């Protein structure tokens, strides 16, 4: 069972529809016990960092997500959900994130001659050998974002070139983040969600 964390972000329903289409058992939930009992968690997200963190705090889900990460549950953050995994964001001022992966969220520079937001299909290039990164290596996926993460190189599995190197997939132990939207990325996106489901079933991966 995969728990999709429900905190009133824009793409939770679309992620659930994608998992349902794939026949992956899932639940959309804000219940701490249900979330902690799941084999894996998905933290989706569309919108502003500060508002999303406030919603997680109001639903008392911050300690739940941190506890799941510490317990070794596979966690997949999608788009804003990926950014929330980091220490802080500079969007609309400085806001603390979940602090599960070291790094910060910064704006895509307006001075490098690219259109912001970064919206549309772009190429992923794997930088580290990893089953999930391998699915997306040299594949186009759908991005919608104005901010990106500055992360430690050892946590970056894949990048996308958009004037700057955008970390498109990051990983720290059992916690993974993807900047693009797999639920909007056609067959390759569905293949990535299937790969995450397989990772949740791998005892060596999902249990510390």
C-alpha atoms as a PDB file:
ATOM      1  CA  UNK A   1       0.000   0.000   0.000  1.00  0.00           C
ATOM      2  CA  UNK A   2       1.269   3.458  -0.949  1.00  0.00           C
ATOM      3  CA  UNK A   3      -0.065   6.456   0.986  1.00  0.00           C
ATOM      4  CA  UNK A   4      -0.450   9.709  -0.930  1.00  0.00           C
ATOM      5  CA  UNK A   5      -0.179  12.467   1.646  1.00  0.00           C
ATOM      6  CA  UNK A   6      -3.266  14.676   1.510  1.00  0.00           C
ATOM      7  CA  UNK A   7      -2.599  18.315   2.385  1.00  0.00           C
ATOM      8  CA  UNK A   8      -4.664  20.262  -0.147  1.00  0.00           C
ATOM      9  CA  UNK A   9      -2.092  20.584  -2.928  1.00  0.00           C
ATOM     10  CA  UNK A  10      -3.046  20.714  -6.573  1.00  0.00           C
ATOM     11  CA  UNK A  11      -1.987  17.362  -7.975  1.00  0.00           C
ATOM     12  CA  UNK A  12      -2.883  14.815  -5.288  1.00  0.00           C
ATOM     13  CA  UNK A  13      -5.905  13.578  -7.234  1.00  0.00           C
ATOM     14  CA  UNK A  14      -3.944  13.258 -10.464  1.00  0.00           C
ATOM     15  CA  UNK A  15      -1.270  11.202  -8.740  1.00  0.00           C
ATOM     16  CA  UNK A  16      -3.964   8.949  -7.294  1.00  0.00           C
ATOM     17  CA  UNK A  17      -5.551   8.538 -10.726  1.00  0.00           C
ATOM     18  CA  UNK A  18      -2.168   7.491 -12.139  1.00  0.00           C
ATOM     19  CA  UNK A  19      -1.649   4.883  -9.407  1.00  0.00           C
ATOM     20  CA  UNK A  20      -5.220   3.625  -9.849  1.00  0.00           C
ATOM     21  CA  UNK A  21      -4.625   3.314 -13.605  1.00  0.00           C
ATOM     22  CA  UNK A  22      -1.530   1.219 -12.899  1.00  0.00           C
ATOM     23  CA  UNK A  23      -3.403  -0.980 -10.440  1.00  0.00           C
ATOM     24  CA  UNK A  24      -1.139   0.093  -7.582  1.00  0.00           C
ATOM     25  CA  UNK A  25      -2.904  -0.144  -4.244  1.00  0.00           C
ATOM     26  CA  UNK A  26      -2.983   3.317  -2.684  1.00  0.00           C
ATOM     27  CA  UNK A  27      -4.823   5.630  -0.341  1.00  0.00           C
ATOM     28  CA  UNK A  28      -5.077   9.430  -0.212  1.00  0.00           C
ATOM     29  CA  UNK A  29      -4.741  10.190   3.466  1.00  0.00           C
ATOM     30  CA  UNK A  30      -3.917  12.756   6.130  1.00  0.00           C
ATOM     31  CA  UNK A  31      -4.264  10.201   8.918  1.00  0.00           C
ATOM     32  CA  UNK A  32      -0.911   9.712  10.712  1.00  0.00           C
ATOM     33  CA  UNK A  33      -1.504   6.058  11.581  1.00  0.00           C
ATOM     34  CA  UNK A  34      -2.552   5.199   8.037  1.00  0.00           C
ATOM     35  CA  UNK A  35       0.458   7.023   6.604  1.00  0.00           C
ATOM     36  CA  UNK A  36       2.938   5.371   8.970  1.00  0.00           C
ATOM     37  CA  UNK A  37       1.478   1.937   8.236  1.00  0.00           C
ATOM     38  CA  UNK A  38       1.997   2.298   4.481  1.00  0.00           C
ATOM     39  CA  UNK A  39       4.835   0.566   2.610  1.00  0.00           C
ATOM     40  CA  UNK A  40       5.734   3.819   0.872  1.00  0.00           C
ATOM     41  CA  UNK A  41       4.677   7.476   0.805  1.00  0.00           C
ATOM     42  CA  UNK A  42       4.170   9.974  -1.986  1.00  0.00           C
ATOM     43  CA  UNK A  43       4.329  13.683  -1.163  1.00  0.00           C
ATOM     44  CA  UNK A  44       2.843  15.507  -4.172  1.00  0.00           C
ATOM     45  CA  UNK A  45       2.723  19.244  -4.586  1.00  0.00           C
ATOM     46  CA  UNK A  46       1.745  22.181  -6.765  1.00  0.00           C
ATOM     47  CA  UNK A  47       1.881  25.776  -5.578  1.00  0.00           C
ATOM     48  CA  UNK A  48       3.857  27.875  -3.113  1.00  0.00           C
ATOM     49  CA  UNK A  49       6.394  26.428  -0.664  1.00  0.00           C
ATOM     50  CA  UNK A  50       5.324  28.501   2.348  1.00  0.00           C
ATOM     51  CA  UNK A  51       1.623  27.712   1.961  1.00  0.00           C
ATOM     52  CA  UNK A  52       2.407  24.002   1.550  1.00  0.00           C
ATOM     53  CA  UNK A  53       4.536  23.884   4.700  1.00  0.00           C
ATOM     54  CA  UNK A  54       1.808  25.712   6.631  1.00  0.00           C
ATOM     55  CA  UNK A  55      -0.736  23.142   5.477  1.00  0.00           C
ATOM     56  CA  UNK A  56       1.514  20.254   6.554  1.00  0.00           C
ATOM     57  CA  UNK A  57       2.010  21.902   9.945  1.00  0.00           C
ATOM     58  CA  UNK A  58      -1.696  22.571  10.438  1.00  0.00           C
ATOM     59  CA  UNK A  59      -2.458  18.912   9.724  1.00  0.00           C
ATOM     60  CA  UNK A  60       0.394  17.879  12.057  1.00  0.00           C
ATOM     61  CA  UNK A  61       2.013  15.907   9.250  1.00  0.00           C
ATOM     62  CA  UNK A  62       5.567  17.252   9.539  1.00  0.00           C
ATOM     63  CA  UNK A  63       6.575  14.870  12.387  1.00  0.00           C
ATOM     64  CA  UNK A  64       4.752  12.031  10.610  1.00  0.00           C
ATOM     65  CA  UNK A  65       6.771  12.451   7.411  1.00  0.00           C
ATOM     66  CA  UNK A  66      10.011  12.780   9.361  1.00  0.00           C
ATOM     67  CA  UNK A  67       9.203   9.652  11.388  1.00  0.00           C
ATOM     68  CA  UNK A  68       8.465   7.696   8.198  1.00  0.00           C
ATOM     69  CA  UNK A  69      11.772   8.808   6.696  1.00  0.00           C
ATOM     70  CA  UNK A  70      13.676   7.853   9.852  1.00  0.00           C
ATOM     71  CA  UNK A  71      11.955   4.454   9.912  1.00  0.00           C
ATOM     72  CA  UNK A  72      13.182   3.741   6.383  1.00  0.00           C
ATOM     73  CA  UNK A  73       9.899   4.009   4.527  1.00  0.00           C
ATOM     74  CA  UNK A  74      10.436   4.900   0.865  1.00  0.00           C
ATOM     75  CA  UNK A  75       9.226   8.444   0.253  1.00  0.00           C
ATOM     76  CA  UNK A  76       8.733  10.040  -3.159  1.00  0.00           C
ATOM     77  CA  UNK A  77       8.367  13.819  -3.323  1.00  0.00           C
ATOM     78  CA  UNK A  78       6.959  15.164  -6.593  1.00  0.00           C
ATOM     79  CA  UNK A  79       7.627  18.741  -7.857  1.00  0.00           C
ATOM     80  CA  UNK A  80       6.843  21.003  -4.869  1.00  0.00           C
ATOM     81  CA  UNK A  81       6.775  17.813  -2.790  1.00  0.00           C
ATOM     82  CA  UNK A  82      10.424  17.274  -3.732  1.00  0.00           C
ATOM     83  CA  UNK A  83      11.326  20.841  -2.754  1.00  0.00           C
ATOM     84  CA  UNK A  84       9.627  20.456   0.639  1.00  0.00           C
ATOM     85  CA  UNK A  85      12.088  17.671   1.497  1.00  0.00           C
ATOM     86  CA  UNK A  86      14.932  20.214   1.702  1.00  0.00           C
ATOM     87  CA  UNK A  87      16.118  22.528   4.470  1.00  0.00           C
ATOM     88  CA  UNK A  88      14.612  25.770   3.248  1.00  0.00           C
ATOM     89  CA  UNK A  89      13.157  27.751   0.355  1.00  0.00           C
ATOM     90  CA  UNK A  90      13.708  31.364  -0.670  1.00  0.00           C
ATOM     91  CA  UNK A  91      10.282  31.592  -2.330  1.00  0.00           C
ATOM     92  CA  UNK A  92       8.436  34.652  -0.917  1.00  0.00           C
ATOM     93  CA  UNK A  93      11.118  34.988   1.747  1.00  0.00           C
ATOM     94  CA  UNK A  94      12.947  32.262   3.633  1.00  0.00           C
ATOM     95  CA  UNK A  95      10.807  29.351   4.819  1.00  0.00           C
ATOM     96  CA  UNK A  96      12.021  26.226   6.615  1.00  0.00           C
ATOM     97  CA  UNK A  97      11.293  22.920   4.906  1.00  0.00           C
ATOM     98  CA  UNK A  98      11.196  19.364   6.216  1.00  0.00           C
ATOM     99  CA  UNK A  99      14.994  19.207   6.462  1.00  0.00           C
ATOM    100  CA  UNK A 100      15.228  15.580   5.347  1.00  0.00           C
ATOM    101  CA  UNK A 101      17.687  16.303   2.516  1.00  0.00           C
ATOM    102  CA  UNK A 102      20.375  18.986   2.825  1.00  0.00           C
ATOM    103  CA  UNK A 103      20.011  21.951   0.490  1.00  0.00           C
ATOM    104  CA  UNK A 104      17.827  24.903  -0.363  1.00  0.00           C
ATOM    105  CA  UNK A 105      15.256  25.933  -2.961  1.00  0.00           C
ATOM    106  CA  UNK A 106      16.180  28.983  -5.042  1.00  0.00           C
ATOM    107  CA  UNK A 107      14.648  30.824  -8.025  1.00  0.00           C
ATOM    108  CA  UNK A 108      15.605  29.945 -11.572  1.00  0.00           C
ATOM    109  CA  UNK A 109      17.702  33.002 -12.507  1.00  0.00           C
ATOM    110  CA  UNK A 110      15.846  35.458 -14.722  1.00  0.00           C
ATOM    111  CA  UNK A 111      19.195  36.715 -16.018  1.00  0.00           C
ATOM    112  CA  UNK A 112      20.198  33.587 -17.964  1.00  0.00           C
ATOM    113  CA  UNK A 113      17.825  34.135 -20.867  1.00  0.00           C
ATOM    114  CA  UNK A 114      15.302  31.370 -20.204  1.00  0.00           C
ATOM    115  CA  UNK A 115      11.564  31.659 -19.731  1.00  0.00           C
ATOM    116  CA  UNK A 116      10.349  31.360 -16.146  1.00  0.00           C
ATOM    117  CA  UNK A 117       8.509  29.286 -15.121  1.00  0.00           C
ATOM    118  CA  UNK A 118      10.252  26.292 -16.633  1.00  0.00           C
ATOM    119  CA  UNK A 119       7.201  24.738 -18.263  1.00  0.00           C
ATOM    120  CA  UNK A 120       7.057  21.865 -20.726  1.00  0.00           C
ATOM    121  CA  UNK A 121       8.944  18.755 -21.747  1.00  0.00           C
ATOM    122  CA  UNK A 122      12.648  18.511 -21.018  1.00  0.00           C
ATOM    123  CA  UNK A 123      15.382  15.880 -21.117  1.00  0.00           C
ATOM    124  CA  UNK A 124      16.679  14.050 -18.042  1.00  0.00           C
ATOM    125  CA  UNK A 125      20.272  12.888 -17.847  1.00  0.00           C
ATOM    126  CA  UNK A 126      21.217  10.400 -15.143  1.00  0.00           C
ATOM    127  CA  UNK A 127      24.365  11.261 -13.209  1.00  0.00           C
ATOM    128  CA  UNK A 128      24.369   8.277 -10.842  1.00  0.00           C
ATOM    129  CA  UNK A 129      23.533   4.609 -11.319  1.00  0.00           C
ATOM    130  CA  UNK A 130      20.142   4.002  -9.731  1.00  0.00           C
ATOM    131  CA  UNK A 131      17.056   1.974 -10.769  1.00  0.00           C
ATOM    132  CA  UNK A 132      14.704   4.964 -10.753  1.00  0.00           C
ATOM    133  CA  UNK A 133      17.153   7.295 -12.475  1.00  0.00           C
ATOM    134  CA  UNK A 134      17.702   4.628 -15.133  1.00  0.00           C
ATOM    135  CA  UNK A 135      14.014   4.717 -16.031  1.00  0.00           C
ATOM    136  CA  UNK A 136      14.203   8.428 -16.845  1.00  0.00           C
ATOM    137  CA  UNK A 137      17.729   8.639 -18.301  1.00  0.00           C
ATOM    138  CA  UNK A 138      17.636  10.311 -21.753  1.00  0.00           C
ATOM    139  CA  UNK A 139      13.852  10.606 -21.468  1.00  0.00           C
ATOM    140  CA  UNK A 140      11.671  13.712 -21.712  1.00  0.00           C
ATOM    141  CA  UNK A 141       9.327  14.483 -18.819  1.00  0.00           C
ATOM    142  CA  UNK A 142       6.960  17.352 -18.025  1.00  0.00           C
ATOM    143  CA  UNK A 143       8.181  20.197 -15.797  1.00  0.00           C
ATOM    144  CA  UNK A 144       6.299  23.136 -14.270  1.00  0.00           C
ATOM    145  CA  UNK A 145       8.341  25.156 -11.764  1.00  0.00           C
ATOM    146  CA  UNK A 146       9.982  28.528 -11.132  1.00  0.00           C
ATOM    147  CA  UNK A 147      12.300  27.357  -8.335  1.00  0.00           C
ATOM    148  CA  UNK A 148      14.835  24.549  -8.178  1.00  0.00           C
ATOM    149  CA  UNK A 149      16.911  22.829  -5.530  1.00  0.00           C
ATOM    150  CA  UNK A 150      20.563  23.413  -4.803  1.00  0.00           C
ATOM    151  CA  UNK A 151      21.622  20.059  -3.409  1.00  0.00           C
ATOM    152  CA  UNK A 152      24.811  18.246  -2.530  1.00  0.00           C
ATOM    153  CA  UNK A 153      26.202  16.443  -5.611  1.00  0.00           C
ATOM    154  CA  UNK A 154      26.075  13.066  -3.869  1.00  0.00           C
ATOM    155  CA  UNK A 155      22.277  13.324  -3.574  1.00  0.00           C
ATOM    156  CA  UNK A 156      21.661  14.183  -7.257  1.00  0.00           C
ATOM    157  CA  UNK A 157      20.692  11.238  -9.482  1.00  0.00           C
ATOM    158  CA  UNK A 158      19.690  13.136 -12.641  1.00  0.00           C
ATOM    159  CA  UNK A 159      19.639  16.650 -14.037  1.00  0.00           C
ATOM    160  CA  UNK A 160      17.871  18.667 -16.708  1.00  0.00           C
ATOM    161  CA  UNK A 161      19.625  21.544 -18.472  1.00  0.00           C
ATOM    162  CA  UNK A 162      17.612  24.765 -18.420  1.00  0.00           C
ATOM    163  CA  UNK A 163      20.319  27.396 -18.488  1.00  0.00           C
ATOM    164  CA  UNK A 164      21.356  25.988 -15.127  1.00  0.00           C
ATOM    165  CA  UNK A 165      21.622  22.346 -14.160  1.00  0.00           C
ATOM    166  CA  UNK A 166      18.264  21.550 -12.583  1.00  0.00           C
ATOM    167  CA  UNK A 167      18.414  18.507 -10.273  1.00  0.00           C
ATOM    168  CA  UNK A 168      15.500  16.516 -11.675  1.00  0.00           C
ATOM    169  CA  UNK A 169      15.903  13.466  -9.419  1.00  0.00           C
ATOM    170  CA  UNK A 170      17.480  13.435  -5.963  1.00  0.00           C
ATOM    171  CA  UNK A 171      17.865  10.686  -3.398  1.00  0.00           C
ATOM    172  CA  UNK A 172      19.078  10.335   0.164  1.00  0.00           C
ATOM    173  CA  UNK A 173      18.827   6.768   1.409  1.00  0.00           C
ATOM    174  CA  UNK A 174      15.107   5.916   1.270  1.00  0.00           C
ATOM    175  CA  UNK A 175      13.920   9.418   0.332  1.00  0.00           C
ATOM    176  CA  UNK A 176      13.571  10.390  -3.348  1.00  0.00           C
ATOM    177  CA  UNK A 177      12.508  13.627  -4.984  1.00  0.00           C
ATOM    178  CA  UNK A 178      11.614  14.281  -8.616  1.00  0.00           C
ATOM    179  CA  UNK A 179      11.172  17.815  -9.921  1.00  0.00           C
ATOM    180  CA  UNK A 180       8.984  16.886 -12.887  1.00  0.00           C
ATOM    181  CA  UNK A 181       5.447  15.466 -12.882  1.00  0.00           C
ATOM    182  CA  UNK A 182       5.358  11.713 -13.616  1.00  0.00           C
ATOM    183  CA  UNK A 183       1.565  11.788 -13.644  1.00  0.00           C
ATOM    184  CA  UNK A 184       1.770  14.226 -16.600  1.00  0.00           C
ATOM    185  CA  UNK A 185       4.701  12.547 -18.376  1.00  0.00           C
ATOM    186  CA  UNK A 186       2.950   9.809 -20.320  1.00  0.00           C
ATOM    187  CA  UNK A 187       4.186   6.237 -20.401  1.00  0.00           C
ATOM    188  CA  UNK A 188       7.651   7.069 -19.082  1.00  0.00           C
ATOM    189  CA  UNK A 189       6.121   8.789 -16.071  1.00  0.00           C
ATOM    190  CA  UNK A 190       3.943   5.777 -15.356  1.00  0.00           C
ATOM    191  CA  UNK A 191       7.026   3.564 -15.654  1.00  0.00           C
ATOM    192  CA  UNK A 192       8.696   5.676 -12.967  1.00  0.00           C
ATOM    193  CA  UNK A 193       5.741   5.300 -10.619  1.00  0.00           C
ATOM    194  CA  UNK A 194       5.825   1.552 -11.225  1.00  0.00           C
ATOM    195  CA  UNK A 195       9.537   1.539 -10.374  1.00  0.00           C
ATOM    196  CA  UNK A 196       8.828   3.361  -7.111  1.00  0.00           C
ATOM    197  CA  UNK A 197       6.183   0.778  -6.263  1.00  0.00           C
ATOM    198  CA  UNK A 198       8.740  -1.968  -6.859  1.00  0.00           C
ATOM    199  CA  UNK A 199      11.197  -0.185  -4.596  1.00  0.00           C
ATOM    200  CA  UNK A 200       8.642  -0.173  -1.778  1.00  0.00           C
ATOM    201  CA  UNK A 201       8.420  -3.953  -2.115  1.00  0.00           C
ATOM    202  CA  UNK A 202      12.192  -4.408  -1.819  1.00  0.00           C
ATOM    203  CA  UNK A 203      12.891  -5.174   1.838  1.00  0.00           C
ATOM    204  CA  UNK A 204      16.545  -4.158   1.597  1.00  0.00           C
ATOM    205  CA  UNK A 205      15.543  -0.765   0.216  1.00  0.00           C
ATOM    206  CA  UNK A 206      12.522  -0.024   2.354  1.00  0.00           C
ATOM    207  CA  UNK A 207      13.709  -1.071   5.780  1.00  0.00           C
ATOM    208  CA  UNK A 208      16.739   0.225   7.697  1.00  0.00           C
END
